[in-house]
Amino acid sequence: PFKEEENGEDACCHHAGAPVFHDTRKWWSCCEDQKVYDFDALYQIPGCTRGRHSTVPPAATTQAADRVKEDALRAAERVRAA
């Protein structure tokens, strides 16, 4: 939770991109040079962008999450077809 009166332009430090999961590696699409193998380590990577707090997810993050789900479904279909 945040207080709107304290919600300035640099109140929130976060990643501008979406999480990426490939094989056993994990990273943020905005910080491709920091790849890790552990979920805890992924969430320990400091944010690269500052902005206002929001309760609404950015459209890019939502779209990236949808692409990840679609890719996983296509991969599952290929496995079943094989």
Protein backbone atom coordinates (compact mmCIF):
# COMPACT_ATOMS: atom_id res chain seq x y z
CA PRO A 1 0.00 0.00 0.00
CA PHE A 2 1.08 3.52 -0.68
CA LYS A 3 -0.18 6.93 0.29
CA GLU A 4 -1.29 8.97 -2.72
CA GLU A 5 0.12 12.15 -1.18
CA GLU A 6 3.57 10.49 -1.13
CA ASN A 7 3.26 9.11 -4.66
CA GLY A 8 5.84 11.16 -6.57
CA GLU A 9 7.41 10.58 -9.97
CA ASP A 10 10.22 8.50 -8.41
CA ALA A 11 8.26 6.75 -5.63
CA CYS A 12 8.35 3.28 -7.22
CA CYS A 13 11.46 1.45 -8.40
CA HIS A 14 10.49 -1.41 -10.72
CA HIS A 15 11.31 -3.26 -13.93
CA ALA A 16 9.89 -1.75 -17.11
CA GLY A 17 9.85 -5.15 -18.81
CA ALA A 18 8.30 -8.52 -18.11
CA PRO A 19 9.92 -11.57 -16.54
CA VAL A 20 11.39 -14.03 -19.05
CA PHE A 21 11.70 -17.77 -18.37
CA HIS A 22 13.85 -19.82 -20.74
CA ASP A 23 15.04 -23.31 -19.90
CA THR A 24 16.21 -22.88 -16.31
CA ARG A 25 17.24 -19.22 -16.67
CA LYS A 26 15.17 -16.26 -15.56
CA TRP A 27 15.58 -12.55 -16.23
CA TRP A 28 13.70 -9.31 -16.80
CA SER A 29 13.26 -8.36 -20.46
CA CYS A 30 14.54 -4.87 -19.63
CA CYS A 31 17.68 -6.22 -17.88
CA GLU A 32 18.88 -9.03 -20.14
CA ASP A 33 22.43 -8.85 -18.80
CA GLN A 34 21.30 -10.13 -15.37
CA LYS A 35 20.20 -13.74 -15.85
CA VAL A 36 19.68 -15.99 -12.83
CA TYR A 37 18.56 -19.57 -12.15
CA ASP A 38 16.48 -19.05 -9.03
CA PHE A 39 13.11 -17.30 -8.58
CA ASP A 40 14.26 -15.66 -5.36
CA ALA A 41 17.30 -14.27 -7.17
CA LEU A 42 15.06 -12.96 -9.98
CA TYR A 43 13.06 -10.89 -7.53
CA GLN A 44 16.26 -9.62 -5.89
CA ILE A 45 17.42 -7.90 -9.10
CA PRO A 46 16.97 -4.18 -8.40
CA GLY A 47 14.44 -2.32 -10.53
CA CYS A 48 15.74 -0.31 -13.46
CA THR A 49 12.93 2.26 -13.77
CA ARG A 50 11.39 4.77 -11.42
CA GLY A 51 7.87 6.14 -11.57
CA ARG A 52 4.62 6.60 -9.68
CA HIS A 53 2.98 3.74 -7.78
CA SER A 54 -0.06 2.27 -9.53
CA THR A 55 -2.62 -0.40 -8.81
CA VAL A 56 -3.10 -1.04 -12.56
CA PRO A 57 -0.54 -3.24 -14.37
CA PRO A 58 1.08 -1.65 -17.42
CA ALA A 59 -0.29 -2.85 -20.76
CA ALA A 60 3.17 -4.07 -21.84
CA THR A 61 3.44 -6.35 -18.81
CA THR A 62 -0.05 -7.73 -19.37
CA GLN A 63 0.69 -8.33 -23.06
CA ALA A 64 4.00 -10.03 -22.24
CA ALA A 65 2.27 -12.31 -19.73
CA ASP A 66 -0.30 -13.23 -22.37
CA ARG A 67 2.51 -14.09 -24.83
CA VAL A 68 4.19 -16.32 -22.24
CA LYS A 69 0.91 -18.17 -21.66
CA GLU A 70 0.34 -18.56 -25.42
CA ASP A 71 3.89 -19.87 -25.93
CA ALA A 72 3.42 -22.39 -23.12
CA LEU A 73 0.14 -23.61 -24.61
CA ARG A 74 1.72 -24.01 -28.07
CA ALA A 75 4.64 -25.93 -26.55
CA ALA A 76 2.23 -28.23 -24.71
CA GLU A 77 0.32 -28.86 -27.93
CA ARG A 78 3.57 -29.77 -29.75
CA VAL A 79 4.46 -32.23 -26.98
CA ARG A 80 1.03 -33.87 -27.18
CA ALA A 81 1.26 -34.10 -30.97
CA ALA A 82 4.69 -35.76 -30.84
